[in-house]
Amino acid sequence: MLAPKGATIMIIPLSIASIATVLTAISIPGHADEDHNKRAGVAQNVTVTILSSNLANGNSVGEWGLSALVQADGACVLFDAGRHPETVIHNAEVLGADLSCITDLVLSHHHFDHTTGVLPILEALGNHSSIERVHVARGFFRPRRVPSRSGTEEANQMIQERQSLENAGLEVIIHDGPSEILQGVWITGPVPRPHSEENYPVQVRIKESGTWVADWVPESQGLTIVTEEGHIVLLGCGHSGVVNMLTHVQSAISDRPIQALMGGLHLFNATDQTLGWTTDRLREIGVKHLMAGHCTGIEPLFRLRTGLNLTRQTAVVGAVGSQFVLGEGIRATAIAM
């Protein structure tokens, strides 16, 4: 508005600090208040449902594999895709889980018991598929070798399947470090390994500096949902080590506590010494809920339950159909209770 004719206009000098105060007080797009900043990148409503694991009941099917549907504030992510072509599709139908909401697929590592279901899931969804992106960590597509009767064979089937994923219109994203793929949903990328948690198949080889050595699965990554209550962490096989994983999550993504630890911890063939060390480290880190399955092993899970002072309500086998619900805790299936 223009000043009336003849009016005196007073110009009040303002310091830079005063101007900054005024600008801060008014609403400027892109500038949020402190409370909003605290909520940014934090998921509010989270449910994780196991779609593939070794233990199942009812009409669901178990297998040596892993897959989980992550639902966070209306967004959907599929973490791994199981071992057999139809397992995830069948179990999703039995459980009433809608796969058409999935926009992002996260693959923990290249092993077939976590990746075989990818293309069949895309085919089954057809025009109903919302999947746009596949997230893997650096090293996922590196060649592997395994001894065979004819000499050696390529052991990484995902090298060939990458083209099929891209032909289906999916963007294949290779991550070098932690990345927030949806609000509050992070992938870890390759995990630093200060602790020697070696749990990978030594018969498979990978080339390092011109020499074929035991495949240490350098791309092994996890997923975490950051919430006000803490991290909900998913591991595929944990080939980078569960202690290394949780240490990385808290140091590189957020220092919030570990609200839930889920997936495969690859302890089924661990020695008593390894189990004892792992339990001690997890107790130091602090784990409030444990819903581990797949390659964790039944006995190691119960050893962890006892050592972490958890209960039948807070530590169960992550069977097909079991869920972790933020604010509620574990919904165990009948076979796992």
C-alpha atoms as a PDB file:
ATOM      1  CA  MET A   1       0.000   0.000   0.000  1.00  0.00           C
ATOM      2  CA  LEU A   2       1.252   3.513  -0.858  1.00  0.00           C
ATOM      3  CA  ALA A   3       1.414   6.096   1.949  1.00  0.00           C
ATOM      4  CA  PRO A   4      -1.246   8.846   1.786  1.00  0.00           C
ATOM      5  CA  LYS A   5      -0.138  12.035   0.112  1.00  0.00           C
ATOM      6  CA  GLY A   6       1.684  14.256   2.578  1.00  0.00           C
ATOM      7  CA  ALA A   7       2.273  11.531   5.142  1.00  0.00           C
ATOM      8  CA  THR A   8       5.652  11.220   6.781  1.00  0.00           C
ATOM      9  CA  ILE A   9       7.407   7.910   6.235  1.00  0.00           C
ATOM     10  CA  MET A  10       9.732   6.888   9.046  1.00  0.00           C
ATOM     11  CA  ILE A  11      12.678   4.725   8.089  1.00  0.00           C
ATOM     12  CA  ILE A  12      13.942   2.741  11.068  1.00  0.00           C
ATOM     13  CA  PRO A  13      17.484   1.419  10.673  1.00  0.00           C
ATOM     14  CA  LEU A  14      17.757  -2.314  11.343  1.00  0.00           C
ATOM     15  CA  SER A  15      20.860  -4.273  12.118  1.00  0.00           C
ATOM     16  CA  ILE A  16      21.639  -7.430  10.167  1.00  0.00           C
ATOM     17  CA  ALA A  17      20.787  -9.435  13.264  1.00  0.00           C
ATOM     18  CA  SER A  18      17.392  -7.735  13.496  1.00  0.00           C
ATOM     19  CA  ILE A  19      16.660  -8.441   9.857  1.00  0.00           C
ATOM     20  CA  ALA A  20      17.568 -12.089  10.403  1.00  0.00           C
ATOM     21  CA  THR A  21      15.203 -12.230  13.369  1.00  0.00           C
ATOM     22  CA  VAL A  22      12.356 -10.791  11.307  1.00  0.00           C
ATOM     23  CA  LEU A  23      12.979 -13.175   8.425  1.00  0.00           C
ATOM     24  CA  THR A  24      13.083 -16.129  10.814  1.00  0.00           C
ATOM     25  CA  ALA A  25       9.787 -15.105  12.395  1.00  0.00           C
ATOM     26  CA  ILE A  26       7.868 -15.099   9.118  1.00  0.00           C
ATOM     27  CA  SER A  27       6.957 -18.202   7.184  1.00  0.00           C
ATOM     28  CA  ILE A  28       9.460 -18.932   4.436  1.00  0.00           C
ATOM     29  CA  PRO A  29       9.077 -22.036   2.264  1.00  0.00           C
ATOM     30  CA  GLY A  30      11.811 -24.529   3.036  1.00  0.00           C
ATOM     31  CA  HIS A  31      12.368 -23.265   6.590  1.00  0.00           C
ATOM     32  CA  ALA A  32      10.722 -25.488   9.180  1.00  0.00           C
ATOM     33  CA  ASP A  33      10.326 -25.012  12.906  1.00  0.00           C
ATOM     34  CA  GLU A  34      12.445 -26.970  15.352  1.00  0.00           C
ATOM     35  CA  ASP A  35       9.776 -29.581  16.044  1.00  0.00           C
ATOM     36  CA  HIS A  36       9.302 -30.248  12.344  1.00  0.00           C
ATOM     37  CA  ASN A  37      13.041 -30.648  11.913  1.00  0.00           C
ATOM     38  CA  LYS A  38      13.003 -33.260  14.652  1.00  0.00           C
ATOM     39  CA  ARG A  39      10.307 -35.181  12.780  1.00  0.00           C
ATOM     40  CA  ALA A  40      11.926 -34.868   9.366  1.00  0.00           C
ATOM     41  CA  GLY A  41      13.194 -38.231   8.156  1.00  0.00           C
ATOM     42  CA  VAL A  42      11.335 -40.099  10.890  1.00  0.00           C
ATOM     43  CA  ALA A  43       8.628 -42.649  10.081  1.00  0.00           C
ATOM     44  CA  GLN A  44       5.495 -42.486  12.234  1.00  0.00           C
ATOM     45  CA  ASN A  45       3.452 -45.575  11.306  1.00  0.00           C
ATOM     46  CA  VAL A  46       5.445 -48.720  10.565  1.00  0.00           C
ATOM     47  CA  THR A  47       4.589 -52.375   9.997  1.00  0.00           C
ATOM     48  CA  VAL A  48       7.095 -54.994   8.829  1.00  0.00           C
ATOM     49  CA  THR A  49       5.690 -58.341   7.642  1.00  0.00           C
ATOM     50  CA  ILE A  50       7.813 -61.430   6.962  1.00  0.00           C
ATOM     51  CA  LEU A  51       6.904 -62.961   3.571  1.00  0.00           C
ATOM     52  CA  SER A  52       9.717 -65.507   3.278  1.00  0.00           C
ATOM     53  CA  SER A  53      11.694 -67.321   5.964  1.00  0.00           C
ATOM     54  CA  ASN A  54      12.552 -70.858   7.028  1.00  0.00           C
ATOM     55  CA  LEU A  55       9.630 -71.328   9.415  1.00  0.00           C
ATOM     56  CA  ALA A  56       5.963 -71.102   8.424  1.00  0.00           C
ATOM     57  CA  ASN A  57       2.543 -72.311   9.525  1.00  0.00           C
ATOM     58  CA  GLY A  58      -0.991 -72.559   8.203  1.00  0.00           C
ATOM     59  CA  ASN A  59      -1.204 -72.228   4.439  1.00  0.00           C
ATOM     60  CA  SER A  60       1.976 -70.179   4.149  1.00  0.00           C
ATOM     61  CA  VAL A  61       5.164 -71.725   2.764  1.00  0.00           C
ATOM     62  CA  GLY A  62       8.592 -71.741   4.383  1.00  0.00           C
ATOM     63  CA  GLU A  63      11.934 -71.890   2.575  1.00  0.00           C
ATOM     64  CA  TRP A  64      15.612 -71.196   3.076  1.00  0.00           C
ATOM     65  CA  GLY A  65      15.256 -67.552   2.095  1.00  0.00           C
ATOM     66  CA  LEU A  66      14.098 -64.139   3.218  1.00  0.00           C
ATOM     67  CA  SER A  67      11.699 -61.407   2.195  1.00  0.00           C
ATOM     68  CA  ALA A  68       9.863 -58.728   4.155  1.00  0.00           C
ATOM     69  CA  LEU A  69       7.270 -56.106   3.280  1.00  0.00           C
ATOM     70  CA  VAL A  70       8.004 -52.745   4.908  1.00  0.00           C
ATOM     71  CA  GLN A  71       5.088 -50.324   5.220  1.00  0.00           C
ATOM     72  CA  ALA A  72       5.996 -46.867   6.499  1.00  0.00           C
ATOM     73  CA  ASP A  73       3.529 -43.973   6.484  1.00  0.00           C
ATOM     74  CA  GLY A  74       1.740 -45.306   3.417  1.00  0.00           C
ATOM     75  CA  ALA A  75       4.908 -46.105   1.459  1.00  0.00           C
ATOM     76  CA  CYS A  76       5.907 -49.700   0.687  1.00  0.00           C
ATOM     77  CA  VAL A  77       9.322 -51.301   0.263  1.00  0.00           C
ATOM     78  CA  LEU A  78      10.111 -54.954  -0.420  1.00  0.00           C
ATOM     79  CA  PHE A  79      13.284 -56.091   1.315  1.00  0.00           C
ATOM     80  CA  ASP A  80      14.660 -59.129  -0.541  1.00  0.00           C
ATOM     81  CA  ALA A  81      12.533 -61.487  -2.617  1.00  0.00           C
ATOM     82  CA  GLY A  82      12.960 -65.046  -1.363  1.00  0.00           C
ATOM     83  CA  ARG A  83      14.521 -68.205  -2.766  1.00  0.00           C
ATOM     84  CA  HIS A  84      11.844 -69.818  -4.932  1.00  0.00           C
ATOM     85  CA  PRO A  85       9.939 -68.035  -7.701  1.00  0.00           C
ATOM     86  CA  GLU A  86       6.460 -68.311  -6.169  1.00  0.00           C
ATOM     87  CA  THR A  87       7.095 -68.118  -2.412  1.00  0.00           C
ATOM     88  CA  VAL A  88       6.594 -64.395  -1.840  1.00  0.00           C
ATOM     89  CA  ILE A  89       3.645 -64.247  -4.232  1.00  0.00           C
ATOM     90  CA  HIS A  90       1.934 -67.201  -2.543  1.00  0.00           C
ATOM     91  CA  ASN A  91       2.554 -66.025   1.006  1.00  0.00           C
ATOM     92  CA  ALA A  92       1.443 -62.481   0.226  1.00  0.00           C
ATOM     93  CA  GLU A  93      -1.847 -63.861  -1.088  1.00  0.00           C
ATOM     94  CA  VAL A  94      -2.325 -66.087   1.971  1.00  0.00           C
ATOM     95  CA  LEU A  95      -1.545 -63.210   4.340  1.00  0.00           C
ATOM     96  CA  GLY A  96      -3.553 -60.616   2.432  1.00  0.00           C
ATOM     97  CA  ALA A  97      -0.464 -58.474   1.828  1.00  0.00           C
ATOM     98  CA  ASP A  98      -0.811 -56.092  -1.120  1.00  0.00           C
ATOM     99  CA  LEU A  99       2.365 -56.099  -3.209  1.00  0.00           C
ATOM    100  CA  SER A 100       1.029 -53.517  -5.661  1.00  0.00           C
ATOM    101  CA  CYS A 101       1.912 -50.714  -3.227  1.00  0.00           C
ATOM    102  CA  ILE A 102       5.655 -51.429  -3.490  1.00  0.00           C
ATOM    103  CA  THR A 103       7.656 -48.646  -5.151  1.00  0.00           C
ATOM    104  CA  ASP A 104      11.150 -49.660  -4.072  1.00  0.00           C
ATOM    105  CA  LEU A 105      12.915 -53.008  -3.918  1.00  0.00           C
ATOM    106  CA  VAL A 106      15.965 -53.365  -1.664  1.00  0.00           C
ATOM    107  CA  LEU A 107      18.261 -56.348  -2.167  1.00  0.00           C
ATOM    108  CA  SER A 108      20.604 -57.094   0.725  1.00  0.00           C
ATOM    109  CA  HIS A 109      23.081 -59.070  -1.395  1.00  0.00           C
ATOM    110  CA  HIS A 110      23.258 -61.119  -4.575  1.00  0.00           C
ATOM    111  CA  HIS A 111      22.642 -64.635  -3.165  1.00  0.00           C
ATOM    112  CA  PHE A 112      19.852 -66.567  -4.879  1.00  0.00           C
ATOM    113  CA  ASP A 113      17.872 -67.192  -1.680  1.00  0.00           C
ATOM    114  CA  HIS A 114      17.228 -63.444  -1.519  1.00  0.00           C
ATOM    115  CA  THR A 115      16.848 -62.580  -5.201  1.00  0.00           C
ATOM    116  CA  THR A 116      15.194 -65.434  -7.144  1.00  0.00           C
ATOM    117  CA  GLY A 117      11.710 -64.042  -6.571  1.00  0.00           C
ATOM    118  CA  VAL A 118      12.401 -60.611  -8.077  1.00  0.00           C
ATOM    119  CA  LEU A 119      11.449 -61.215 -11.708  1.00  0.00           C
ATOM    120  CA  PRO A 120       8.490 -63.535 -10.886  1.00  0.00           C
ATOM    121  CA  ILE A 121       7.075 -60.850  -8.577  1.00  0.00           C
ATOM    122  CA  LEU A 122       7.324 -58.258 -11.344  1.00  0.00           C
ATOM    123  CA  GLU A 123       5.684 -60.658 -13.786  1.00  0.00           C
ATOM    124  CA  ALA A 124       2.886 -61.542 -11.361  1.00  0.00           C
ATOM    125  CA  LEU A 125       2.103 -57.889 -10.661  1.00  0.00           C
ATOM    126  CA  GLY A 126       2.150 -56.978 -14.342  1.00  0.00           C
ATOM    127  CA  ASN A 127       0.377 -53.682 -14.979  1.00  0.00           C
ATOM    128  CA  HIS A 128      -0.428 -53.432 -11.273  1.00  0.00           C
ATOM    129  CA  SER A 129       3.245 -53.088 -10.367  1.00  0.00           C
ATOM    130  CA  SER A 130       4.328 -49.777  -8.828  1.00  0.00           C
ATOM    131  CA  ILE A 131       7.968 -50.825  -8.449  1.00  0.00           C
ATOM    132  CA  GLU A 132      10.230 -48.128  -9.872  1.00  0.00           C
ATOM    133  CA  ARG A 133      13.627 -48.647  -8.275  1.00  0.00           C
ATOM    134  CA  VAL A 134      15.946 -51.455  -7.184  1.00  0.00           C
ATOM    135  CA  HIS A 135      18.530 -50.545  -4.543  1.00  0.00           C
ATOM    136  CA  VAL A 136      21.756 -52.511  -4.163  1.00  0.00           C
ATOM    137  CA  ALA A 137      25.124 -51.779  -2.578  1.00  0.00           C
ATOM    138  CA  ARG A 138      28.446 -51.442  -4.336  1.00  0.00           C
ATOM    139  CA  GLY A 139      29.820 -54.871  -5.272  1.00  0.00           C
ATOM    140  CA  PHE A 140      26.416 -56.446  -5.932  1.00  0.00           C
ATOM    141  CA  PHE A 141      27.139 -57.139  -9.610  1.00  0.00           C
ATOM    142  CA  ARG A 142      30.764 -58.229  -9.250  1.00  0.00           C
ATOM    143  CA  PRO A 143      31.600 -61.612 -10.841  1.00  0.00           C
ATOM    144  CA  ARG A 144      31.874 -64.660  -8.586  1.00  0.00           C
ATOM    145  CA  ARG A 145      33.273 -68.086  -9.270  1.00  0.00           C
ATOM    146  CA  VAL A 146      32.347 -71.463  -7.840  1.00  0.00           C
ATOM    147  CA  PRO A 147      34.039 -74.812  -8.604  1.00  0.00           C
ATOM    148  CA  SER A 148      32.089 -77.191 -10.856  1.00  0.00           C
ATOM    149  CA  ARG A 149      32.660 -80.387 -12.816  1.00  0.00           C
ATOM    150  CA  SER A 150      33.517 -78.326 -15.883  1.00  0.00           C
ATOM    151  CA  GLY A 151      35.965 -76.102 -14.018  1.00  0.00           C
ATOM    152  CA  THR A 152      34.369 -72.935 -12.698  1.00  0.00           C
ATOM    153  CA  GLU A 153      30.991 -71.294 -13.197  1.00  0.00           C
ATOM    154  CA  GLU A 154      29.665 -67.779 -12.690  1.00  0.00           C
ATOM    155  CA  ALA A 155      27.922 -67.804  -9.313  1.00  0.00           C
ATOM    156  CA  ASN A 156      26.308 -64.365  -9.487  1.00  0.00           C
ATOM    157  CA  GLN A 157      23.067 -64.805 -11.411  1.00  0.00           C
ATOM    158  CA  MET A 158      22.186 -61.145 -10.870  1.00  0.00           C
ATOM    159  CA  ILE A 159      24.737 -60.042 -13.466  1.00  0.00           C
ATOM    160  CA  GLN A 160      22.521 -61.537 -16.157  1.00  0.00           C
ATOM    161  CA  GLU A 161      19.255 -60.478 -14.520  1.00  0.00           C
ATOM    162  CA  ARG A 162      20.264 -56.824 -14.310  1.00  0.00           C
ATOM    163  CA  GLN A 163      19.358 -56.317 -17.959  1.00  0.00           C
ATOM    164  CA  SER A 164      15.948 -57.889 -17.362  1.00  0.00           C
ATOM    165  CA  LEU A 165      15.302 -55.460 -14.506  1.00  0.00           C
ATOM    166  CA  GLU A 166      16.242 -52.495 -16.657  1.00  0.00           C
ATOM    167  CA  ASN A 167      14.189 -53.814 -19.581  1.00  0.00           C
ATOM    168  CA  ALA A 168      11.209 -53.906 -17.214  1.00  0.00           C
ATOM    169  CA  GLY A 169      11.648 -50.164 -16.702  1.00  0.00           C
ATOM    170  CA  LEU A 170      13.233 -50.305 -13.256  1.00  0.00           C
ATOM    171  CA  GLU A 171      16.025 -47.985 -12.243  1.00  0.00           C
ATOM    172  CA  VAL A 172      18.876 -49.982 -10.726  1.00  0.00           C
ATOM    173  CA  ILE A 173      20.652 -47.806  -8.153  1.00  0.00           C
ATOM    174  CA  ILE A 174      24.037 -48.824  -6.757  1.00  0.00           C
ATOM    175  CA  HIS A 175      24.767 -47.202  -3.401  1.00  0.00           C
ATOM    176  CA  ASP A 176      28.201 -46.437  -1.981  1.00  0.00           C
ATOM    177  CA  GLY A 177      26.914 -45.474   1.463  1.00  0.00           C
ATOM    178  CA  PRO A 178      23.799 -44.858   3.576  1.00  0.00           C
ATOM    179  CA  SER A 179      20.841 -43.398   1.697  1.00  0.00           C
ATOM    180  CA  GLU A 180      17.316 -42.389   2.712  1.00  0.00           C
ATOM    181  CA  ILE A 181      15.180 -43.925  -0.023  1.00  0.00           C
ATOM    182  CA  LEU A 182      11.829 -42.890   1.481  1.00  0.00           C
ATOM    183  CA  GLN A 183      11.047 -40.745   4.502  1.00  0.00           C
ATOM    184  CA  GLY A 184      12.595 -42.476   7.487  1.00  0.00           C
ATOM    185  CA  VAL A 185      13.570 -45.552   5.444  1.00  0.00           C
ATOM    186  CA  TRP A 186      17.309 -45.949   4.987  1.00  0.00           C
ATOM    187  CA  ILE A 187      19.587 -48.474   3.376  1.00  0.00           C
ATOM    188  CA  THR A 188      23.051 -48.824   4.830  1.00  0.00           C
ATOM    189  CA  GLY A 189      25.097 -49.380   1.705  1.00  0.00           C
ATOM    190  CA  PRO A 190      28.341 -51.351   2.195  1.00  0.00           C
ATOM    191  CA  VAL A 191      29.040 -51.821   5.903  1.00  0.00           C
ATOM    192  CA  PRO A 192      32.457 -51.160   7.487  1.00  0.00           C
ATOM    193  CA  ARG A 193      33.755 -54.250   9.295  1.00  0.00           C
ATOM    194  CA  PRO A 194      35.856 -53.314  12.309  1.00  0.00           C
ATOM    195  CA  HIS A 195      34.866 -56.628  13.923  1.00  0.00           C
ATOM    196  CA  SER A 196      35.827 -59.936  12.321  1.00  0.00           C
ATOM    197  CA  GLU A 197      32.393 -61.516  11.909  1.00  0.00           C
ATOM    198  CA  GLU A 198      33.191 -63.899   9.073  1.00  0.00           C
ATOM    199  CA  ASN A 199      30.102 -65.875   8.075  1.00  0.00           C
ATOM    200  CA  TYR A 200      30.248 -66.242   4.322  1.00  0.00           C
ATOM    201  CA  PRO A 201      30.599 -69.340   2.078  1.00  0.00           C
ATOM    202  CA  VAL A 202      34.311 -69.807   1.472  1.00  0.00           C
ATOM    203  CA  GLN A 203      33.821 -72.046  -1.578  1.00  0.00           C
ATOM    204  CA  VAL A 204      32.595 -69.066  -3.608  1.00  0.00           C
ATOM    205  CA  ARG A 205      35.375 -66.811  -4.879  1.00  0.00           C
ATOM    206  CA  ILE A 206      35.650 -63.122  -5.741  1.00  0.00           C
ATOM    207  CA  LYS A 207      38.589 -61.392  -7.399  1.00  0.00           C
ATOM    208  CA  GLU A 208      40.595 -58.964  -5.262  1.00  0.00           C
ATOM    209  CA  SER A 209      43.699 -57.296  -6.705  1.00  0.00           C
ATOM    210  CA  GLY A 210      43.937 -59.943  -9.402  1.00  0.00           C
ATOM    211  CA  THR A 211      43.562 -62.919  -7.052  1.00  0.00           C
ATOM    212  CA  TRP A 212      40.470 -65.065  -6.477  1.00  0.00           C
ATOM    213  CA  VAL A 213      39.740 -65.110  -2.737  1.00  0.00           C
ATOM    214  CA  ALA A 214      36.818 -66.212  -0.546  1.00  0.00           C
ATOM    215  CA  ASP A 215      33.778 -64.106  -1.397  1.00  0.00           C
ATOM    216  CA  TRP A 216      33.296 -61.864   1.618  1.00  0.00           C
ATOM    217  CA  VAL A 217      30.051 -60.475   0.112  1.00  0.00           C
ATOM    218  CA  PRO A 218      31.209 -56.829   0.111  1.00  0.00           C
ATOM    219  CA  GLU A 219      27.752 -55.595  -0.913  1.00  0.00           C
ATOM    220  CA  SER A 220      25.994 -57.034   2.149  1.00  0.00           C
ATOM    221  CA  GLN A 221      23.691 -54.249   3.351  1.00  0.00           C
ATOM    222  CA  GLY A 222      20.733 -53.748   5.644  1.00  0.00           C
ATOM    223  CA  LEU A 223      17.674 -51.544   5.915  1.00  0.00           C
ATOM    224  CA  THR A 224      16.600 -49.442   8.868  1.00  0.00           C
ATOM    225  CA  ILE A 225      13.433 -47.503   9.553  1.00  0.00           C
ATOM    226  CA  VAL A 226      14.200 -44.504  11.737  1.00  0.00           C
ATOM    227  CA  THR A 227      11.422 -43.770  14.240  1.00  0.00           C
ATOM    228  CA  GLU A 228      11.022 -41.699  17.391  1.00  0.00           C
ATOM    229  CA  GLU A 229      11.281 -44.958  19.362  1.00  0.00           C
ATOM    230  CA  GLY A 230      14.485 -46.008  17.615  1.00  0.00           C
ATOM    231  CA  HIS A 231      15.708 -48.046  14.665  1.00  0.00           C
ATOM    232  CA  ILE A 232      13.846 -50.994  13.182  1.00  0.00           C
ATOM    233  CA  VAL A 233      16.697 -52.865  11.493  1.00  0.00           C
ATOM    234  CA  LEU A 234      16.369 -55.562   8.829  1.00  0.00           C
ATOM    235  CA  LEU A 235      19.241 -57.823   7.789  1.00  0.00           C
ATOM    236  CA  GLY A 236      19.223 -60.246   4.875  1.00  0.00           C
ATOM    237  CA  CYS A 237      21.930 -62.677   5.971  1.00  0.00           C
ATOM    238  CA  GLY A 238      24.103 -60.309   7.929  1.00  0.00           C
ATOM    239  CA  HIS A 239      27.240 -61.301   6.016  1.00  0.00           C
ATOM    240  CA  SER A 240      28.821 -58.034   7.136  1.00  0.00           C
ATOM    241  CA  GLY A 241      28.162 -59.063  10.753  1.00  0.00           C
ATOM    242  CA  VAL A 242      25.227 -58.066  12.934  1.00  0.00           C
ATOM    243  CA  VAL A 243      27.429 -56.121  15.365  1.00  0.00           C
ATOM    244  CA  ASN A 244      29.136 -54.297  12.502  1.00  0.00           C
ATOM    245  CA  MET A 245      25.707 -53.549  11.036  1.00  0.00           C
ATOM    246  CA  LEU A 246      24.186 -52.039  14.176  1.00  0.00           C
ATOM    247  CA  THR A 247      27.354 -50.078  14.897  1.00  0.00           C
ATOM    248  CA  HIS A 248      27.230 -48.637  11.377  1.00  0.00           C
ATOM    249  CA  VAL A 249      23.514 -47.808  11.618  1.00  0.00           C
ATOM    250  CA  GLN A 250      23.977 -45.862  14.845  1.00  0.00           C
ATOM    251  CA  SER A 251      27.161 -44.084  13.771  1.00  0.00           C
ATOM    252  CA  ALA A 252      26.333 -43.262  10.145  1.00  0.00           C
ATOM    253  CA  ILE A 253      22.539 -42.809  10.145  1.00  0.00           C
ATOM    254  CA  SER A 254      21.241 -41.988  13.633  1.00  0.00           C
ATOM    255  CA  ASP A 255      22.370 -42.658  17.185  1.00  0.00           C
ATOM    256  CA  ARG A 256      18.840 -43.618  18.223  1.00  0.00           C
ATOM    257  CA  PRO A 257      18.459 -46.927  20.112  1.00  0.00           C
ATOM    258  CA  ILE A 258      17.749 -50.245  18.393  1.00  0.00           C
ATOM    259  CA  GLN A 259      14.018 -50.750  18.811  1.00  0.00           C
ATOM    260  CA  ALA A 260      13.876 -53.959  16.756  1.00  0.00           C
ATOM    261  CA  LEU A 261      16.335 -56.309  15.063  1.00  0.00           C
ATOM    262  CA  MET A 262      14.891 -58.526  12.341  1.00  0.00           C
ATOM    263  CA  GLY A 263      15.883 -60.865   9.509  1.00  0.00           C
ATOM    264  CA  GLY A 264      18.814 -63.223   9.080  1.00  0.00           C
ATOM    265  CA  LEU A 265      21.806 -62.947  11.418  1.00  0.00           C
ATOM    266  CA  HIS A 266      23.709 -65.953   9.980  1.00  0.00           C
ATOM    267  CA  LEU A 267      24.464 -67.538  13.334  1.00  0.00           C
ATOM    268  CA  PHE A 268      23.077 -71.032  12.629  1.00  0.00           C
ATOM    269  CA  ASN A 269      26.568 -72.534  12.504  1.00  0.00           C
ATOM    270  CA  ALA A 270      28.241 -70.159  14.957  1.00  0.00           C
ATOM    271  CA  THR A 271      30.465 -71.578  17.679  1.00  0.00           C
ATOM    272  CA  ASP A 272      29.661 -71.096  21.350  1.00  0.00           C
ATOM    273  CA  GLN A 273      32.472 -68.573  21.497  1.00  0.00           C
ATOM    274  CA  THR A 274      31.031 -66.574  18.602  1.00  0.00           C
ATOM    275  CA  LEU A 275      27.529 -66.682  20.082  1.00  0.00           C
ATOM    276  CA  GLY A 276      28.854 -65.511  23.430  1.00  0.00           C
ATOM    277  CA  TRP A 277      30.778 -62.639  21.893  1.00  0.00           C
ATOM    278  CA  THR A 278      27.829 -61.596  19.725  1.00  0.00           C
ATOM    279  CA  THR A 279      25.440 -61.703  22.672  1.00  0.00           C
ATOM    280  CA  ASP A 280      27.762 -59.563  24.787  1.00  0.00           C
ATOM    281  CA  ARG A 281      28.127 -56.949  22.057  1.00  0.00           C
ATOM    282  CA  LEU A 282      24.376 -56.820  21.349  1.00  0.00           C
ATOM    283  CA  ARG A 283      23.720 -56.435  25.067  1.00  0.00           C
ATOM    284  CA  GLU A 284      26.086 -53.454  25.103  1.00  0.00           C
ATOM    285  CA  ILE A 285      24.352 -51.919  22.097  1.00  0.00           C
ATOM    286  CA  GLY A 286      20.887 -52.624  23.482  1.00  0.00           C
ATOM    287  CA  VAL A 287      18.189 -54.436  21.485  1.00  0.00           C
ATOM    288  CA  LYS A 288      14.582 -54.048  22.651  1.00  0.00           C
ATOM    289  CA  HIS A 289      12.902 -56.523  20.276  1.00  0.00           C
ATOM    290  CA  LEU A 290      14.368 -59.473  18.373  1.00  0.00           C
ATOM    291  CA  MET A 291      12.487 -61.158  15.537  1.00  0.00           C
ATOM    292  CA  ALA A 292      15.212 -63.061  13.743  1.00  0.00           C
ATOM    293  CA  GLY A 293      14.771 -65.935  11.311  1.00  0.00           C
ATOM    294  CA  HIS A 294      16.178 -67.448   8.125  1.00  0.00           C
ATOM    295  CA  CYS A 295      19.881 -68.189   8.727  1.00  0.00           C
ATOM    296  CA  THR A 296      19.870 -67.129  12.381  1.00  0.00           C
ATOM    297  CA  GLY A 297      19.152 -70.626  13.657  1.00  0.00           C
ATOM    298  CA  ILE A 298      16.705 -71.706  16.363  1.00  0.00           C
ATOM    299  CA  GLU A 299      19.198 -72.422  19.148  1.00  0.00           C
ATOM    300  CA  PRO A 300      21.187 -69.199  18.549  1.00  0.00           C
ATOM    301  CA  LEU A 301      17.960 -67.185  18.697  1.00  0.00           C
ATOM    302  CA  PHE A 302      17.065 -68.590  22.100  1.00  0.00           C
ATOM    303  CA  ARG A 303      20.630 -68.094  23.307  1.00  0.00           C
ATOM    304  CA  LEU A 304      20.295 -64.449  22.289  1.00  0.00           C
ATOM    305  CA  ARG A 305      16.898 -64.165  23.993  1.00  0.00           C
ATOM    306  CA  THR A 306      18.370 -65.339  27.278  1.00  0.00           C
ATOM    307  CA  GLY A 307      21.581 -63.340  26.999  1.00  0.00           C
ATOM    308  CA  LEU A 308      19.764 -60.117  26.097  1.00  0.00           C
ATOM    309  CA  ASN A 309      17.236 -60.553  28.924  1.00  0.00           C
ATOM    310  CA  LEU A 310      14.330 -60.611  26.477  1.00  0.00           C
ATOM    311  CA  THR A 311      11.076 -62.583  26.801  1.00  0.00           C
ATOM    312  CA  ARG A 312       8.671 -64.656  24.708  1.00  0.00           C
ATOM    313  CA  GLN A 313       6.923 -61.391  23.896  1.00  0.00           C
ATOM    314  CA  THR A 314      10.051 -59.495  22.847  1.00  0.00           C
ATOM    315  CA  ALA A 315      12.155 -62.215  21.165  1.00  0.00           C
ATOM    316  CA  VAL A 316      10.659 -64.761  18.750  1.00  0.00           C
ATOM    317  CA  VAL A 317      11.489 -66.623  15.574  1.00  0.00           C
ATOM    318  CA  GLY A 318      10.650 -64.438  12.587  1.00  0.00           C
ATOM    319  CA  ALA A 319       8.332 -66.923  10.890  1.00  0.00           C
ATOM    320  CA  VAL A 320       6.348 -66.216   7.726  1.00  0.00           C
ATOM    321  CA  GLY A 321       3.463 -63.918   8.636  1.00  0.00           C
ATOM    322  CA  SER A 322       5.022 -62.535  11.803  1.00  0.00           C
ATOM    323  CA  GLN A 323       5.026 -58.758  12.104  1.00  0.00           C
ATOM    324  CA  PHE A 324       6.640 -55.928  13.978  1.00  0.00           C
ATOM    325  CA  VAL A 325       4.305 -52.980  14.493  1.00  0.00           C
ATOM    326  CA  LEU A 326       5.679 -49.697  15.787  1.00  0.00           C
ATOM    327  CA  GLY A 327       4.084 -48.800  19.109  1.00  0.00           C
ATOM    328  CA  GLU A 328       2.781 -52.331  19.612  1.00  0.00           C
ATOM    329  CA  GLY A 329       5.747 -54.647  19.229  1.00  0.00           C
ATOM    330  CA  ILE A 330       5.912 -58.178  17.846  1.00  0.00           C
ATOM    331  CA  ARG A 331       2.906 -60.016  16.461  1.00  0.00           C
ATOM    332  CA  ALA A 332       4.152 -63.581  16.487  1.00  0.00           C
ATOM    333  CA  THR A 333       2.557 -66.367  14.493  1.00  0.00           C
ATOM    334  CA  ALA A 334       1.181 -69.402  16.323  1.00  0.00           C
ATOM    335  CA  ILE A 335       4.204 -71.544  15.472  1.00  0.00           C
ATOM    336  CA  ALA A 336       6.621 -68.945  16.852  1.00  0.00           C
ATOM    337  CA  MET A 337       4.829 -68.106  20.097  1.00  0.00           C
END
